[in-house]
Amino acid sequence: PSGHSAASFAAAVVLFRCRRSFGIPALILAALIAFSRLFLFVHYPT
């Protein structure tokens, strides 16, 4: 699987559970990092 996506969402979910005001920007950043892997042609969507 995409390590960038996995690490980003693991961390962002913990931050979201800690405090939503931390978690929402973290989830947005995690989604951007995950999408960047597709944009850069280094991962498949799956």
PDB file of all heavy atoms in Angstrom:
ATOM      1  N   PRO A   1       0.832  -1.203   0.000  1.00  0.00           N
ATOM      2  CA  PRO A   1       0.000   0.000   0.000  1.00  0.00           C
ATOM      3  C   PRO A   1       0.868   1.254   0.000  1.00  0.00           C
ATOM      4  O   PRO A   1       2.070   1.185   0.217  1.00  0.00           O
ATOM      5  CB  PRO A   1      -0.768  -0.120   1.313  1.00  0.00           C
ATOM      6  CG  PRO A   1       0.192  -0.799   2.238  1.00  0.00           C
ATOM      7  CD  PRO A   1       0.967  -1.757   1.359  1.00  0.00           C
ATOM      8  N   SER A   2       0.242   2.382  -0.200  1.00  0.00           N
ATOM      9  CA  SER A   2       0.956   3.662  -0.173  1.00  0.00           C
ATOM     10  C   SER A   2       1.344   3.990   1.265  1.00  0.00           C
ATOM     11  O   SER A   2       0.483   4.209   2.119  1.00  0.00           O
ATOM     12  CB  SER A   2       0.067   4.771  -0.733  1.00  0.00           C
ATOM     13  OG  SER A   2       0.605   6.040  -0.410  1.00  0.00           O
ATOM     14  N   GLY A   3       2.639   4.033   1.518  1.00  0.00           N
ATOM     15  CA  GLY A   3       3.125   4.366   2.857  1.00  0.00           C
ATOM     16  C   GLY A   3       2.838   5.804   3.233  1.00  0.00           C
ATOM     17  O   GLY A   3       2.528   6.111   4.386  1.00  0.00           O
ATOM     18  N   HIS A   4       2.962   6.722   2.261  1.00  0.00           N
ATOM     19  CA  HIS A   4       2.636   8.127   2.518  1.00  0.00           C
ATOM     20  C   HIS A   4       1.177   8.255   2.979  1.00  0.00           C
ATOM     21  O   HIS A   4       0.890   8.966   3.938  1.00  0.00           O
ATOM     22  CB  HIS A   4       2.830   8.965   1.254  1.00  0.00           C
ATOM     23  CG  HIS A   4       4.231   9.368   0.964  1.00  0.00           C
ATOM     24  ND1 HIS A   4       5.193   8.475   0.559  1.00  0.00           N
ATOM     25  CD2 HIS A   4       4.828  10.590   0.999  1.00  0.00           C
ATOM     26  CE1 HIS A   4       6.326   9.135   0.358  1.00  0.00           C
ATOM     27  NE2 HIS A   4       6.135  10.420   0.617  1.00  0.00           N
ATOM     28  N   SER A   5       0.282   7.574   2.268  1.00  0.00           N
ATOM     29  CA  SER A   5      -1.143   7.652   2.603  1.00  0.00           C
ATOM     30  C   SER A   5      -1.427   7.013   3.952  1.00  0.00           C
ATOM     31  O   SER A   5      -2.174   7.567   4.771  1.00  0.00           O
ATOM     32  CB  SER A   5      -1.982   6.970   1.522  1.00  0.00           C
ATOM     33  OG  SER A   5      -1.744   7.558   0.271  1.00  0.00           O
ATOM     34  N   ALA A   6      -0.836   5.853   4.204  1.00  0.00           N
ATOM     35  CA  ALA A   6      -1.081   5.137   5.454  1.00  0.00           C
ATOM     36  C   ALA A   6      -0.597   5.952   6.651  1.00  0.00           C
ATOM     37  O   ALA A   6      -1.337   6.139   7.632  1.00  0.00           O
ATOM     38  CB  ALA A   6      -0.399   3.768   5.414  1.00  0.00           C
ATOM     39  N   ALA A   7       0.627   6.435   6.595  1.00  0.00           N
ATOM     40  CA  ALA A   7       1.171   7.214   7.713  1.00  0.00           C
ATOM     41  C   ALA A   7       0.371   8.497   7.923  1.00  0.00           C
ATOM     42  O   ALA A   7       0.059   8.873   9.061  1.00  0.00           O
ATOM     43  CB  ALA A   7       2.639   7.534   7.455  1.00  0.00           C
ATOM     44  N   SER A   8       0.028   9.157   6.825  1.00  0.00           N
ATOM     45  CA  SER A   8      -0.710  10.419   6.929  1.00  0.00           C
ATOM     46  C   SER A   8      -2.064  10.223   7.582  1.00  0.00           C
ATOM     47  O   SER A   8      -2.461  11.002   8.460  1.00  0.00           O
ATOM     48  CB  SER A   8      -0.870  11.053   5.545  1.00  0.00           C
ATOM     49  OG  SER A   8       0.392  11.405   5.018  1.00  0.00           O
ATOM     50  N   PHE A   9      -2.772   9.195   7.193  1.00  0.00           N
ATOM     51  CA  PHE A   9      -4.102   8.979   7.769  1.00  0.00           C
ATOM     52  C   PHE A   9      -4.032   8.420   9.178  1.00  0.00           C
ATOM     53  O   PHE A   9      -4.881   8.754  10.017  1.00  0.00           O
ATOM     54  CB  PHE A   9      -4.978   8.143   6.835  1.00  0.00           C
ATOM     55  CG  PHE A   9      -5.666   9.005   5.818  1.00  0.00           C
ATOM     56  CD1 PHE A   9      -5.021   9.342   4.643  1.00  0.00           C
ATOM     57  CD2 PHE A   9      -6.911   9.538   6.062  1.00  0.00           C
ATOM     58  CE1 PHE A   9      -5.617  10.189   3.720  1.00  0.00           C
ATOM     59  CE2 PHE A   9      -7.527  10.387   5.149  1.00  0.00           C
ATOM     60  CZ  PHE A   9      -6.883  10.714   3.970  1.00  0.00           C
ATOM     61  N   ALA A  10      -3.040   7.620   9.493  1.00  0.00           N
ATOM     62  CA  ALA A  10      -2.882   7.145  10.874  1.00  0.00           C
ATOM     63  C   ALA A  10      -2.689   8.341  11.806  1.00  0.00           C
ATOM     64  O   ALA A  10      -3.352   8.458  12.844  1.00  0.00           O
ATOM     65  CB  ALA A  10      -1.706   6.179  10.971  1.00  0.00           C
ATOM     66  N   ALA A  11      -1.786   9.227  11.431  1.00  0.00           N
ATOM     67  CA  ALA A  11      -1.502  10.403  12.263  1.00  0.00           C
ATOM     68  C   ALA A  11      -2.694  11.351  12.314  1.00  0.00           C
ATOM     69  O   ALA A  11      -3.058  11.852  13.391  1.00  0.00           O
ATOM     70  CB  ALA A  11      -0.275  11.125  11.717  1.00  0.00           C
ATOM     71  N   ALA A  12      -3.314  11.606  11.173  1.00  0.00           N
ATOM     72  CA  ALA A  12      -4.431  12.555  11.126  1.00  0.00           C
ATOM     73  C   ALA A  12      -5.629  12.050  11.921  1.00  0.00           C
ATOM     74  O   ALA A  12      -6.314  12.843  12.584  1.00  0.00           O
ATOM     75  CB  ALA A  12      -4.826  12.830   9.671  1.00  0.00           C
ATOM     76  N   VAL A  13      -5.886  10.750  11.888  1.00  0.00           N
ATOM     77  CA  VAL A  13      -7.001  10.188  12.665  1.00  0.00           C
ATOM     78  C   VAL A  13      -6.735  10.358  14.158  1.00  0.00           C
ATOM     79  O   VAL A  13      -7.634  10.736  14.918  1.00  0.00           O
ATOM     80  CB  VAL A  13      -7.235   8.704  12.286  1.00  0.00           C
ATOM     81  CG1 VAL A  13      -8.089   7.994  13.319  1.00  0.00           C
ATOM     82  CG2 VAL A  13      -7.885   8.617  10.908  1.00  0.00           C
ATOM     83  N   VAL A  14      -5.509  10.110  14.591  1.00  0.00           N
ATOM     84  CA  VAL A  14      -5.182  10.309  16.007  1.00  0.00           C
ATOM     85  C   VAL A  14      -5.358  11.778  16.379  1.00  0.00           C
ATOM     86  O   VAL A  14      -5.942  12.099  17.420  1.00  0.00           O
ATOM     87  CB  VAL A  14      -3.760   9.808  16.338  1.00  0.00           C
ATOM     88  CG1 VAL A  14      -3.350  10.204  17.754  1.00  0.00           C
ATOM     89  CG2 VAL A  14      -3.672   8.295  16.167  1.00  0.00           C
ATOM     90  N   LEU A  15      -4.874  12.679  15.539  1.00  0.00           N
ATOM     91  CA  LEU A  15      -5.050  14.109  15.818  1.00  0.00           C
ATOM     92  C   LEU A  15      -6.523  14.502  15.848  1.00  0.00           C
ATOM     93  O   LEU A  15      -6.946  15.311  16.681  1.00  0.00           O
ATOM     94  CB  LEU A  15      -4.310  14.952  14.780  1.00  0.00           C
ATOM     95  CG  LEU A  15      -2.802  15.050  14.976  1.00  0.00           C
ATOM     96  CD1 LEU A  15      -2.145  15.719  13.774  1.00  0.00           C
ATOM     97  CD2 LEU A  15      -2.458  15.800  16.248  1.00  0.00           C
ATOM     98  N   PHE A  16      -7.310  13.923  14.965  1.00  0.00           N
ATOM     99  CA  PHE A  16      -8.747  14.217  14.944  1.00  0.00           C
ATOM    100  C   PHE A  16      -9.416  13.733  16.221  1.00  0.00           C
ATOM    101  O   PHE A  16     -10.270  14.416  16.775  1.00  0.00           O
ATOM    102  CB  PHE A  16      -9.401  13.575  13.718  1.00  0.00           C
ATOM    103  CG  PHE A  16     -10.844  13.962  13.553  1.00  0.00           C
ATOM    104  CD1 PHE A  16     -11.182  15.184  12.991  1.00  0.00           C
ATOM    105  CD2 PHE A  16     -11.850  13.124  13.972  1.00  0.00           C
ATOM    106  CE1 PHE A  16     -12.513  15.559  12.843  1.00  0.00           C
ATOM    107  CE2 PHE A  16     -13.181  13.492  13.829  1.00  0.00           C
ATOM    108  CZ  PHE A  16     -13.517  14.709  13.267  1.00  0.00           C
ATOM    109  N   ARG A  17      -9.013  12.556  16.692  1.00  0.00           N
ATOM    110  CA  ARG A  17      -9.583  12.019  17.932  1.00  0.00           C
ATOM    111  C   ARG A  17      -9.114  12.813  19.147  1.00  0.00           C
ATOM    112  O   ARG A  17      -9.802  12.894  20.145  1.00  0.00           O
ATOM    113  CB  ARG A  17      -9.221  10.547  18.097  1.00  0.00           C
ATOM    114  CG  ARG A  17      -9.761   9.618  17.028  1.00  0.00           C
ATOM    115  CD  ARG A  17     -11.259   9.582  17.012  1.00  0.00           C
ATOM    116  NE  ARG A  17     -11.764   9.163  18.291  1.00  0.00           N
ATOM    117  CZ  ARG A  17     -12.646   8.205  18.478  1.00  0.00           C
ATOM    118  NH1 ARG A  17     -13.136   7.557  17.460  1.00  0.00           N
ATOM    119  NH2 ARG A  17     -13.052   7.901  19.694  1.00  0.00           N
ATOM    120  N   CYS A  18      -7.930  13.398  19.054  1.00  0.00           N
ATOM    121  CA  CYS A  18      -7.383  14.222  20.132  1.00  0.00           C
ATOM    122  C   CYS A  18      -8.188  15.518  20.251  1.00  0.00           C
ATOM    123  O   CYS A  18      -8.678  15.865  21.316  1.00  0.00           O
ATOM    124  CB  CYS A  18      -5.915  14.531  19.848  1.00  0.00           C
ATOM    125  SG  CYS A  18      -5.180  15.821  20.879  1.00  0.00           S
ATOM    126  N   ARG A  19      -8.304  16.208  19.134  1.00  0.00           N
ATOM    127  CA  ARG A  19      -8.986  17.500  19.109  1.00  0.00           C
ATOM    128  C   ARG A  19      -9.355  17.814  17.671  1.00  0.00           C
ATOM    129  O   ARG A  19      -8.497  17.886  16.809  1.00  0.00           O
ATOM    130  CB  ARG A  19      -8.046  18.563  19.670  1.00  0.00           C
ATOM    131  CG  ARG A  19      -8.688  19.859  19.915  1.00  0.00           C
ATOM    132  CD  ARG A  19      -7.807  20.705  20.784  1.00  0.00           C
ATOM    133  NE  ARG A  19      -8.276  22.073  20.718  1.00  0.00           N
ATOM    134  CZ  ARG A  19      -7.676  23.075  21.287  1.00  0.00           C
ATOM    135  NH1 ARG A  19      -6.584  22.867  21.986  1.00  0.00           N
ATOM    136  NH2 ARG A  19      -8.145  24.273  21.184  1.00  0.00           N
ATOM    137  N   ARG A  20     -10.618  18.002  17.427  1.00  0.00           N
ATOM    138  CA  ARG A  20     -11.088  18.196  16.049  1.00  0.00           C
ATOM    139  C   ARG A  20     -10.433  19.398  15.370  1.00  0.00           C
ATOM    140  O   ARG A  20     -10.174  19.361  14.175  1.00  0.00           O
ATOM    141  CB  ARG A  20     -12.602  18.330  16.017  1.00  0.00           C
ATOM    142  CG  ARG A  20     -13.250  17.011  16.268  1.00  0.00           C
ATOM    143  CD  ARG A  20     -14.735  17.089  16.166  1.00  0.00           C
ATOM    144  NE  ARG A  20     -15.218  15.769  16.597  1.00  0.00           N
ATOM    145  CZ  ARG A  20     -16.267  15.187  16.101  1.00  0.00           C
ATOM    146  NH1 ARG A  20     -16.981  15.793  15.188  1.00  0.00           N
ATOM    147  NH2 ARG A  20     -16.626  14.010  16.528  1.00  0.00           N
ATOM    148  N   SER A  21     -10.156  20.430  16.123  1.00  0.00           N
ATOM    149  CA  SER A  21      -9.548  21.613  15.506  1.00  0.00           C
ATOM    150  C   SER A  21      -8.133  21.309  15.011  1.00  0.00           C
ATOM    151  O   SER A  21      -7.631  21.998  14.136  1.00  0.00           O
ATOM    152  CB  SER A  21      -9.542  22.802  16.475  1.00  0.00           C
ATOM    153  OG  SER A  21      -8.760  22.513  17.621  1.00  0.00           O
ATOM    154  N   PHE A  22      -7.475  20.289  15.564  1.00  0.00           N
ATOM    155  CA  PHE A  22      -6.192  19.814  15.035  1.00  0.00           C
ATOM    156  C   PHE A  22      -6.425  18.836  13.890  1.00  0.00           C
ATOM    157  O   PHE A  22      -5.684  18.801  12.919  1.00  0.00           O
ATOM    158  CB  PHE A  22      -5.382  19.067  16.106  1.00  0.00           C
ATOM    159  CG  PHE A  22      -4.909  19.875  17.267  1.00  0.00           C
ATOM    160  CD1 PHE A  22      -4.343  19.243  18.356  1.00  0.00           C
ATOM    161  CD2 PHE A  22      -5.015  21.261  17.299  1.00  0.00           C
ATOM    162  CE1 PHE A  22      -3.883  19.957  19.445  1.00  0.00           C
ATOM    163  CE2 PHE A  22      -4.551  21.987  18.381  1.00  0.00           C
ATOM    164  CZ  PHE A  22      -3.992  21.329  19.464  1.00  0.00           C
ATOM    165  N   GLY A  23      -7.445  18.011  14.061  1.00  0.00           N
ATOM    166  CA  GLY A  23      -7.674  16.907  13.143  1.00  0.00           C
ATOM    167  C   GLY A  23      -8.164  17.302  11.762  1.00  0.00           C
ATOM    168  O   GLY A  23      -7.789  16.676  10.772  1.00  0.00           O
ATOM    169  N   ILE A  24      -8.976  18.320  11.670  1.00  0.00           N
ATOM    170  CA  ILE A  24      -9.510  18.705  10.361  1.00  0.00           C
ATOM    171  C   ILE A  24      -8.392  19.162   9.417  1.00  0.00           C
ATOM    172  O   ILE A  24      -8.291  18.651   8.303  1.00  0.00           O
ATOM    173  CB  ILE A  24     -10.644  19.741  10.506  1.00  0.00           C
ATOM    174  CG1 ILE A  24     -11.869  19.047  11.145  1.00  0.00           C
ATOM    175  CG2 ILE A  24     -11.009  20.365   9.166  1.00  0.00           C
ATOM    176  CD1 ILE A  24     -12.983  19.979  11.572  1.00  0.00           C
ATOM    177  N   PRO A  25      -7.511  20.094   9.833  1.00  0.00           N
ATOM    178  CA  PRO A  25      -6.404  20.438   8.926  1.00  0.00           C
ATOM    179  C   PRO A  25      -5.489  19.240   8.655  1.00  0.00           C
ATOM    180  O   PRO A  25      -4.961  19.100   7.545  1.00  0.00           O
ATOM    181  CB  PRO A  25      -5.641  21.552   9.660  1.00  0.00           C
ATOM    182  CG  PRO A  25      -6.524  22.008  10.749  1.00  0.00           C
ATOM    183  CD  PRO A  25      -7.513  20.942  11.026  1.00  0.00           C
ATOM    184  N   ALA A  26      -5.305  18.379   9.659  1.00  0.00           N
ATOM    185  CA  ALA A  26      -4.464  17.194   9.467  1.00  0.00           C
ATOM    186  C   ALA A  26      -5.073  16.252   8.435  1.00  0.00           C
ATOM    187  O   ALA A  26      -4.359  15.698   7.589  1.00  0.00           O
ATOM    188  CB  ALA A  26      -4.258  16.456  10.793  1.00  0.00           C
ATOM    189  N   LEU A  27      -6.382  16.076   8.476  1.00  0.00           N
ATOM    190  CA  LEU A  27      -7.041  15.213   7.481  1.00  0.00           C
ATOM    191  C   LEU A  27      -6.969  15.823   6.083  1.00  0.00           C
ATOM    192  O   LEU A  27      -6.803  15.094   5.097  1.00  0.00           O
ATOM    193  CB  LEU A  27      -8.493  14.943   7.884  1.00  0.00           C
ATOM    194  CG  LEU A  27      -8.665  13.972   9.054  1.00  0.00           C
ATOM    195  CD1 LEU A  27     -10.097  14.013   9.581  1.00  0.00           C
ATOM    196  CD2 LEU A  27      -8.274  12.556   8.645  1.00  0.00           C
ATOM    197  N   ILE A  28      -7.074  17.132   5.987  1.00  0.00           N
ATOM    198  CA  ILE A  28      -6.938  17.796   4.683  1.00  0.00           C
ATOM    199  C   ILE A  28      -5.525  17.584   4.142  1.00  0.00           C
ATOM    200  O   ILE A  28      -5.344  17.227   2.968  1.00  0.00           O
ATOM    201  CB  ILE A  28      -7.297  19.293   4.786  1.00  0.00           C
ATOM    202  CG1 ILE A  28      -8.797  19.460   5.060  1.00  0.00           C
ATOM    203  CG2 ILE A  28      -6.887  20.049   3.518  1.00  0.00           C
ATOM    204  CD1 ILE A  28      -9.214  20.864   5.465  1.00  0.00           C
ATOM    205  N   LEU A  29      -4.523  17.775   4.997  1.00  0.00           N
ATOM    206  CA  LEU A  29      -3.138  17.543   4.566  1.00  0.00           C
ATOM    207  C   LEU A  29      -2.929  16.079   4.187  1.00  0.00           C
ATOM    208  O   LEU A  29      -2.296  15.787   3.171  1.00  0.00           O
ATOM    209  CB  LEU A  29      -2.150  17.958   5.657  1.00  0.00           C
ATOM    210  CG  LEU A  29      -0.674  17.725   5.329  1.00  0.00           C
ATOM    211  CD1 LEU A  29      -0.265  18.465   4.054  1.00  0.00           C
ATOM    212  CD2 LEU A  29       0.198  18.131   6.508  1.00  0.00           C
ATOM    213  N   ALA A  30      -3.489  15.161   4.963  1.00  0.00           N
ATOM    214  CA  ALA A  30      -3.358  13.736   4.649  1.00  0.00           C
ATOM    215  C   ALA A  30      -3.965  13.423   3.283  1.00  0.00           C
ATOM    216  O   ALA A  30      -3.378  12.675   2.490  1.00  0.00           O
ATOM    217  CB  ALA A  30      -4.028  12.890   5.738  1.00  0.00           C
ATOM    218  N   ALA A  31      -5.122  14.000   2.993  1.00  0.00           N
ATOM    219  CA  ALA A  31      -5.769  13.777   1.688  1.00  0.00           C
ATOM    220  C   ALA A  31      -4.925  14.354   0.554  1.00  0.00           C
ATOM    221  O   ALA A  31      -4.794  13.724  -0.506  1.00  0.00           O
ATOM    222  CB  ALA A  31      -7.169  14.386   1.686  1.00  0.00           C
ATOM    223  N   LEU A  32      -4.338  15.524   0.771  1.00  0.00           N
ATOM    224  CA  LEU A  32      -3.469  16.115  -0.256  1.00  0.00           C
ATOM    225  C   LEU A  32      -2.224  15.262  -0.487  1.00  0.00           C
ATOM    226  O   LEU A  32      -1.808  15.050  -1.632  1.00  0.00           O
ATOM    227  CB  LEU A  32      -3.067  17.539   0.136  1.00  0.00           C
ATOM    228  CG  LEU A  32      -4.134  18.607  -0.011  1.00  0.00           C
ATOM    229  CD1 LEU A  32      -3.705  19.909   0.659  1.00  0.00           C
ATOM    230  CD2 LEU A  32      -4.473  18.829  -1.482  1.00  0.00           C
ATOM    231  N   ILE A  33      -1.638  14.761   0.586  1.00  0.00           N
ATOM    232  CA  ILE A  33      -0.467  13.895   0.446  1.00  0.00           C
ATOM    233  C   ILE A  33      -0.851  12.629  -0.312  1.00  0.00           C
ATOM    234  O   ILE A  33      -0.134  12.205  -1.221  1.00  0.00           O
ATOM    235  CB  ILE A  33       0.155  13.574   1.820  1.00  0.00           C
ATOM    236  CG1 ILE A  33       0.828  14.829   2.396  1.00  0.00           C
ATOM    237  CG2 ILE A  33       1.146  12.421   1.724  1.00  0.00           C
ATOM    238  CD1 ILE A  33       1.299  14.697   3.838  1.00  0.00           C
ATOM    239  N   ALA A  34      -1.979  12.028   0.045  1.00  0.00           N
ATOM    240  CA  ALA A  34      -2.430  10.812  -0.637  1.00  0.00           C
ATOM    241  C   ALA A  34      -2.652  11.090  -2.129  1.00  0.00           C
ATOM    242  O   ALA A  34      -2.197  10.323  -2.987  1.00  0.00           O
ATOM    243  CB  ALA A  34      -3.703  10.284   0.016  1.00  0.00           C
ATOM    244  N   PHE A  35      -3.334  12.184  -2.447  1.00  0.00           N
ATOM    245  CA  PHE A  35      -3.573  12.511  -3.857  1.00  0.00           C
ATOM    246  C   PHE A  35      -2.270  12.792  -4.590  1.00  0.00           C
ATOM    247  O   PHE A  35      -2.133  12.460  -5.774  1.00  0.00           O
ATOM    248  CB  PHE A  35      -4.532  13.696  -4.002  1.00  0.00           C
ATOM    249  CG  PHE A  35      -4.807  14.020  -5.428  1.00  0.00           C
ATOM    250  CD1 PHE A  35      -5.688  13.246  -6.166  1.00  0.00           C
ATOM    251  CD2 PHE A  35      -4.142  15.056  -6.074  1.00  0.00           C
ATOM    252  CE1 PHE A  35      -5.924  13.508  -7.516  1.00  0.00           C
ATOM    253  CE2 PHE A  35      -4.360  15.330  -7.409  1.00  0.00           C
ATOM    254  CZ  PHE A  35      -5.250  14.550  -8.137  1.00  0.00           C
ATOM    255  N   SER A  36      -1.317  13.399  -3.905  1.00  0.00           N
ATOM    256  CA  SER A  36      -0.043  13.717  -4.559  1.00  0.00           C
ATOM    257  C   SER A  36       0.643  12.466  -5.102  1.00  0.00           C
ATOM    258  O   SER A  36       1.326  12.516  -6.117  1.00  0.00           O
ATOM    259  CB  SER A  36       0.897  14.452  -3.601  1.00  0.00           C
ATOM    260  OG  SER A  36       1.479  13.576  -2.646  1.00  0.00           O
ATOM    261  N   ARG A  37       0.430  11.335  -4.446  1.00  0.00           N
ATOM    262  CA  ARG A  37       1.050  10.088  -4.884  1.00  0.00           C
ATOM    263  C   ARG A  37       0.460   9.628  -6.222  1.00  0.00           C
ATOM    264  O   ARG A  37       1.158   9.035  -7.039  1.00  0.00           O
ATOM    265  CB  ARG A  37       0.901   9.003  -3.820  1.00  0.00           C
ATOM    266  CG  ARG A  37       1.391   9.426  -2.447  1.00  0.00           C
ATOM    267  CD  ARG A  37       2.801   9.968  -2.456  1.00  0.00           C
ATOM    268  NE  ARG A  37       3.756   8.875  -2.568  1.00  0.00           N
ATOM    269  CZ  ARG A  37       5.043   9.009  -2.813  1.00  0.00           C
ATOM    270  NH1 ARG A  37       5.561  10.203  -3.001  1.00  0.00           N
ATOM    271  NH2 ARG A  37       5.822   7.962  -2.899  1.00  0.00           N
ATOM    272  N   LEU A  38      -0.809   9.937  -6.448  1.00  0.00           N
ATOM    273  CA  LEU A  38      -1.441   9.636  -7.743  1.00  0.00           C
ATOM    274  C   LEU A  38      -0.961  10.627  -8.797  1.00  0.00           C
ATOM    275  O   LEU A  38      -0.593  10.232  -9.904  1.00  0.00           O
ATOM    276  CB  LEU A  38      -2.964   9.724  -7.630  1.00  0.00           C
ATOM    277  CG  LEU A  38      -3.631   8.795  -6.624  1.00  0.00           C
ATOM    278  CD1 LEU A  38      -5.121   9.093  -6.548  1.00  0.00           C
ATOM    279  CD2 LEU A  38      -3.377   7.354  -6.982  1.00  0.00           C
ATOM    280  N   PHE A  39      -0.980  11.901  -8.429  1.00  0.00           N
ATOM    281  CA  PHE A  39      -0.554  12.950  -9.351  1.00  0.00           C
ATOM    282  C   PHE A  39       0.868  12.695  -9.850  1.00  0.00           C
ATOM    283  O   PHE A  39       1.175  12.898 -11.019  1.00  0.00           O
ATOM    284  CB  PHE A  39      -0.634  14.316  -8.655  1.00  0.00           C
ATOM    285  CG  PHE A  39      -0.240  15.450  -9.544  1.00  0.00           C
ATOM    286  CD1 PHE A  39      -1.186  16.065 -10.348  1.00  0.00           C
ATOM    287  CD2 PHE A  39       1.076  15.897  -9.607  1.00  0.00           C
ATOM    288  CE1 PHE A  39      -0.830  17.109 -11.186  1.00  0.00           C
ATOM    289  CE2 PHE A  39       1.447  16.933 -10.442  1.00  0.00           C
ATOM    290  CZ  PHE A  39       0.493  17.538 -11.243  1.00  0.00           C
ATOM    291  N   LEU A  40       1.727  12.234  -8.957  1.00  0.00           N
ATOM    292  CA  LEU A  40       3.137  12.015  -9.287  1.00  0.00           C
ATOM    293  C   LEU A  40       3.391  10.673  -9.974  1.00  0.00           C
ATOM    294  O   LEU A  40       4.533  10.355 -10.301  1.00  0.00           O
ATOM    295  CB  LEU A  40       3.993  12.157  -8.024  1.00  0.00           C
ATOM    296  CG  LEU A  40       3.951  13.563  -7.428  1.00  0.00           C
ATOM    297  CD1 LEU A  40       4.588  13.575  -6.048  1.00  0.00           C
ATOM    298  CD2 LEU A  40       4.625  14.573  -8.351  1.00  0.00           C
ATOM    299  N   PHE A  41       2.334   9.891 -10.165  1.00  0.00           N
ATOM    300  CA  PHE A  41       2.408   8.629 -10.920  1.00  0.00           C
ATOM    301  C   PHE A  41       3.273   7.578 -10.219  1.00  0.00           C
ATOM    302  O   PHE A  41       3.889   6.735 -10.847  1.00  0.00           O
ATOM    303  CB  PHE A  41       2.955   8.893 -12.344  1.00  0.00           C
ATOM    304  CG  PHE A  41       2.313   8.044 -13.406  1.00  0.00           C
ATOM    305  CD1 PHE A  41       1.094   8.394 -13.952  1.00  0.00           C
ATOM    306  CD2 PHE A  41       2.927   6.903 -13.882  1.00  0.00           C
ATOM    307  CE1 PHE A  41       0.508   7.627 -14.944  1.00  0.00           C
ATOM    308  CE2 PHE A  41       2.346   6.114 -14.868  1.00  0.00           C
ATOM    309  CZ  PHE A  41       1.128   6.483 -15.406  1.00  0.00           C
ATOM    310  N   VAL A  42       3.315   7.647  -8.883  1.00  0.00           N
ATOM    311  CA  VAL A  42       4.122   6.675  -8.142  1.00  0.00           C
ATOM    312  C   VAL A  42       3.285   5.635  -7.410  1.00  0.00           C
ATOM    313  O   VAL A  42       3.834   4.709  -6.819  1.00  0.00           O
ATOM    314  CB  VAL A  42       5.104   7.369  -7.166  1.00  0.00           C
ATOM    315  CG1 VAL A  42       6.138   8.175  -7.946  1.00  0.00           C
ATOM    316  CG2 VAL A  42       4.384   8.236  -6.156  1.00  0.00           C
ATOM    317  N   HIS A  43       1.958   5.804  -7.440  1.00  0.00           N
ATOM    318  CA  HIS A  43       1.044   4.825  -6.845  1.00  0.00           C
ATOM    319  C   HIS A  43      -0.209   4.709  -7.700  1.00  0.00           C
ATOM    320  O   HIS A  43      -0.635   5.680  -8.319  1.00  0.00           O
ATOM    321  CB  HIS A  43       0.604   5.240  -5.440  1.00  0.00           C
ATOM    322  CG  HIS A  43       1.601   4.940  -4.386  1.00  0.00           C
ATOM    323  ND1 HIS A  43       1.936   3.669  -4.003  1.00  0.00           N
ATOM    324  CD2 HIS A  43       2.345   5.763  -3.616  1.00  0.00           C
ATOM    325  CE1 HIS A  43       2.836   3.720  -3.044  1.00  0.00           C
ATOM    326  NE2 HIS A  43       3.116   4.982  -2.805  1.00  0.00           N
ATOM    327  N   TYR A  44      -0.787   3.526  -7.663  1.00  0.00           N
ATOM    328  CA  TYR A  44      -2.105   3.304  -8.242  1.00  0.00           C
ATOM    329  C   TYR A  44      -3.164   3.787  -7.252  1.00  0.00           C
ATOM    330  O   TYR A  44      -2.915   3.813  -6.041  1.00  0.00           O
ATOM    331  CB  TYR A  44      -2.324   1.815  -8.508  1.00  0.00           C
ATOM    332  CG  TYR A  44      -1.414   1.231  -9.546  1.00  0.00           C
ATOM    333  CD1 TYR A  44      -0.290   0.497  -9.168  1.00  0.00           C
ATOM    334  CD2 TYR A  44      -1.672   1.390 -10.901  1.00  0.00           C
ATOM    335  CE1 TYR A  44       0.559  -0.064 -10.119  1.00  0.00           C
ATOM    336  CE2 TYR A  44      -0.829   0.843 -11.860  1.00  0.00           C
ATOM    337  CZ  TYR A  44       0.280   0.115 -11.464  1.00  0.00           C
ATOM    338  OH  TYR A  44       1.114  -0.430 -12.404  1.00  0.00           O
ATOM    339  N   PRO A  45      -4.358   4.124  -7.737  1.00  0.00           N
ATOM    340  CA  PRO A  45      -5.431   4.511  -6.813  1.00  0.00           C
ATOM    341  C   PRO A  45      -5.719   3.447  -5.755  1.00  0.00           C
ATOM    342  O   PRO A  45      -5.990   3.782  -4.598  1.00  0.00           O
ATOM    343  CB  PRO A  45      -6.637   4.727  -7.736  1.00  0.00           C
ATOM    344  CG  PRO A  45      -6.015   5.178  -9.023  1.00  0.00           C
ATOM    345  CD  PRO A  45      -4.750   4.366  -9.140  1.00  0.00           C
ATOM    346  N   THR A  46      -5.635   2.172  -6.117  1.00  0.00           N
ATOM    347  CA  THR A  46      -5.893   1.133  -5.115  1.00  0.00           C
ATOM    348  C   THR A  46      -4.792   1.082  -4.059  1.00  0.00           C
ATOM    349  O   THR A  46      -5.054   0.711  -2.912  1.00  0.00           O
ATOM    350  CB  THR A  46      -6.078  -0.248  -5.783  1.00  0.00           C
ATOM    351  OG1 THR A  46      -5.017  -0.464  -6.723  1.00  0.00           O
ATOM    352  CG2 THR A  46      -7.418  -0.332  -6.498  1.00  0.00           C
TER     353      THR A  46
END
